[in-house]
Structures are given as structure tokens and as C-alpha cells.
Amino acid sequence: MIKLFFCTQGSILDVALDLRKDANTYGKYVSTEVSAENTKALFIPKGFAHGFITLSDDATTFYFVSGEYNQQADDGIRFDSFGFDWGI
């Protein structure tokens, strides 16, 4: 599912992990701070896992997604399984 993501209150550290097995960037990730102050919006392509951690006491985020929620397709990735340092 494609996502467009932004933060209207507070601040988060956002991470996108490439899960496309045929891509030369498979298993690689990118991260950036997304906040109400910096007004960044992120486009998360199909085939990427997406997660974040709040950097402020509170944060409000919004997603626009390309499809409806499908519980059978919902899965998770352990936060420490791909080498990213979450600082926790």
C-alpha cells in the first residue's frame, strides 16, 4: 500500500524499510525527523515497511493511503531486526 504521511503536532522519527526482494535496496532503510515545525511529508512506496517513534511528549500524524485496510495482509517487523538504532 502506498502512503503519504505527515505530522501536524509534535515530532517523530520516521523510518521506511525496503522489503522489495527484487530491488537492489532490499533491506536498506531511510529515516528522517517529521514534525509540525519542519512541515515534511513523506511518500512511502508500495513494498516498504514503515514505522516511527515519537520525539515529543505528544504527536499527531496523518496518513493518506492507496487502499482499504486488509487485516490478512497486516503484519509486523521486529523493531530491532534490521539494524536501525531507535535510541531506546
C-alpha atoms as a PDB file:
ATOM      1  CA  MET A   1       0.000   0.000   0.000  1.00  0.00           C
ATOM      2  CA  ILE A   2       1.265   3.484  -0.834  1.00  0.00           C
ATOM      3  CA  LYS A   3       1.238   6.057   1.988  1.00  0.00           C
ATOM      4  CA  LEU A   4       1.581   9.800   2.226  1.00  0.00           C
ATOM      5  CA  PHE A   5       2.406  10.704   5.790  1.00  0.00           C
ATOM      6  CA  PHE A   6       2.867  13.936   7.771  1.00  0.00           C
ATOM      7  CA  CYS A   7       2.814  15.271  11.324  1.00  0.00           C
ATOM      8  CA  THR A   8       0.617  18.205  12.400  1.00  0.00           C
ATOM      9  CA  GLN A   9       1.642  18.319  16.053  1.00  0.00           C
ATOM     10  CA  GLY A  10       4.866  17.397  17.788  1.00  0.00           C
ATOM     11  CA  SER A  11       7.729  15.467  16.266  1.00  0.00           C
ATOM     12  CA  ILE A  12       8.544  11.883  15.271  1.00  0.00           C
ATOM     13  CA  LEU A  13      11.490   9.943  13.878  1.00  0.00           C
ATOM     14  CA  ASP A  14      10.181   8.136  10.828  1.00  0.00           C
ATOM     15  CA  VAL A  15      11.748   5.022   9.253  1.00  0.00           C
ATOM     16  CA  ALA A  16      10.979   3.333   5.921  1.00  0.00           C
ATOM     17  CA  LEU A  17      12.445  -0.137   5.224  1.00  0.00           C
ATOM     18  CA  ASP A  18      12.628  -1.569   1.694  1.00  0.00           C
ATOM     19  CA  LEU A  19      11.017  -5.043   1.572  1.00  0.00           C
ATOM     20  CA  ARG A  20      11.046  -5.417  -2.231  1.00  0.00           C
ATOM     21  CA  LYS A  21      13.134  -8.582  -2.673  1.00  0.00           C
ATOM     22  CA  ASP A  22      13.990  -7.791  -6.302  1.00  0.00           C
ATOM     23  CA  ALA A  23      15.310  -4.283  -5.509  1.00  0.00           C
ATOM     24  CA  ASN A  24      18.998  -3.523  -5.071  1.00  0.00           C
ATOM     25  CA  THR A  25      17.987  -1.535  -1.956  1.00  0.00           C
ATOM     26  CA  TYR A  26      16.257  -4.537  -0.318  1.00  0.00           C
ATOM     27  CA  GLY A  27      16.764  -4.453   3.443  1.00  0.00           C
ATOM     28  CA  LYS A  28      18.018  -0.869   3.448  1.00  0.00           C
ATOM     29  CA  TYR A  29      16.214   1.891   5.293  1.00  0.00           C
ATOM     30  CA  VAL A  30      15.948   5.664   5.411  1.00  0.00           C
ATOM     31  CA  SER A  31      14.964   7.797   8.371  1.00  0.00           C
ATOM     32  CA  THR A  32      14.125  11.427   8.947  1.00  0.00           C
ATOM     33  CA  GLU A  33      12.513  13.648  11.512  1.00  0.00           C
ATOM     34  CA  VAL A  34       8.974  14.671  10.596  1.00  0.00           C
ATOM     35  CA  SER A  35       7.382  17.438  12.619  1.00  0.00           C
ATOM     36  CA  ALA A  36       4.783  20.157  12.626  1.00  0.00           C
ATOM     37  CA  GLU A  37       7.670  22.632  12.647  1.00  0.00           C
ATOM     38  CA  ASN A  38       9.598  21.300   9.620  1.00  0.00           C
ATOM     39  CA  THR A  39       6.357  20.514   7.681  1.00  0.00           C
ATOM     40  CA  LYS A  40       7.899  17.492   5.920  1.00  0.00           C
ATOM     41  CA  ALA A  41       5.592  14.982   4.273  1.00  0.00           C
ATOM     42  CA  LEU A  42       6.838  11.528   3.301  1.00  0.00           C
ATOM     43  CA  PHE A  43       5.801   9.351   0.388  1.00  0.00           C
ATOM     44  CA  ILE A  44       6.155   5.676   1.359  1.00  0.00           C
ATOM     45  CA  PRO A  45       6.083   3.478  -1.786  1.00  0.00           C
ATOM     46  CA  LYS A  46       4.406   0.095  -2.059  1.00  0.00           C
ATOM     47  CA  GLY A  47       6.705  -2.626  -0.751  1.00  0.00           C
ATOM     48  CA  PHE A  48       8.139  -0.615   2.135  1.00  0.00           C
ATOM     49  CA  ALA A  49       7.596  -1.171   5.852  1.00  0.00           C
ATOM     50  CA  HIS A  50       7.021   1.990   7.822  1.00  0.00           C
ATOM     51  CA  GLY A  51       7.430   2.801  11.494  1.00  0.00           C
ATOM     52  CA  PHE A  52       8.156   5.698  13.783  1.00  0.00           C
ATOM     53  CA  ILE A  53       8.934   6.760  17.333  1.00  0.00           C
ATOM     54  CA  THR A  54       7.716   9.981  18.913  1.00  0.00           C
ATOM     55  CA  LEU A  55      10.327  12.584  19.794  1.00  0.00           C
ATOM     56  CA  SER A  56       7.917  14.874  21.646  1.00  0.00           C
ATOM     57  CA  ASP A  57       5.526  14.359  24.544  1.00  0.00           C
ATOM     58  CA  ASP A  58       2.681  14.176  22.050  1.00  0.00           C
ATOM     59  CA  ALA A  59       2.402  13.902  18.299  1.00  0.00           C
ATOM     60  CA  THR A  60      -0.425  13.855  15.793  1.00  0.00           C
ATOM     61  CA  THR A  61       0.133  12.139  12.449  1.00  0.00           C
ATOM     62  CA  PHE A  62      -1.983  11.787   9.319  1.00  0.00           C
ATOM     63  CA  TYR A  63      -1.851   9.138   6.603  1.00  0.00           C
ATOM     64  CA  PHE A  64      -3.314   9.083   3.144  1.00  0.00           C
ATOM     65  CA  VAL A  65      -3.283   5.517   1.816  1.00  0.00           C
ATOM     66  CA  SER A  66      -3.879   3.965  -1.589  1.00  0.00           C
ATOM     67  CA  GLY A  67      -6.295   1.257  -0.461  1.00  0.00           C
ATOM     68  CA  GLU A  68      -8.514  -0.132   2.220  1.00  0.00           C
ATOM     69  CA  TYR A  69      -7.204  -1.841   5.334  1.00  0.00           C
ATOM     70  CA  ASN A  70      -6.749  -5.600   4.892  1.00  0.00           C
ATOM     71  CA  GLN A  71      -6.284  -7.447   8.185  1.00  0.00           C
ATOM     72  CA  GLN A  72      -4.916 -10.593   6.440  1.00  0.00           C
ATOM     73  CA  ALA A  73      -2.119  -8.507   4.896  1.00  0.00           C
ATOM     74  CA  ASP A  74      -1.284  -6.714   8.152  1.00  0.00           C
ATOM     75  CA  ASP A  75       1.994  -7.880   9.639  1.00  0.00           C
ATOM     76  CA  GLY A  76       4.862  -6.546  11.673  1.00  0.00           C
ATOM     77  CA  ILE A  77       8.626  -6.390  11.751  1.00  0.00           C
ATOM     78  CA  ARG A  78      10.515  -6.573  14.998  1.00  0.00           C
ATOM     79  CA  PHE A  79      11.938  -3.114  15.747  1.00  0.00           C
ATOM     80  CA  ASP A  80      15.495  -4.398  16.290  1.00  0.00           C
ATOM     81  CA  SER A  81      15.652  -6.870  13.396  1.00  0.00           C
ATOM     82  CA  PHE A  82      17.152  -4.682  10.658  1.00  0.00           C
ATOM     83  CA  GLY A  83      19.964  -2.736  12.324  1.00  0.00           C
ATOM     84  CA  PHE A  84      18.315   0.647  12.934  1.00  0.00           C
ATOM     85  CA  ASP A  85      19.235   2.385  16.210  1.00  0.00           C
ATOM     86  CA  TRP A  86      15.980   3.697  17.657  1.00  0.00           C
ATOM     87  CA  GLY A  87      17.809   5.260  20.605  1.00  0.00           C
ATOM     88  CA  ILE A  88      15.809   3.313  23.179  1.00  0.00           C
END
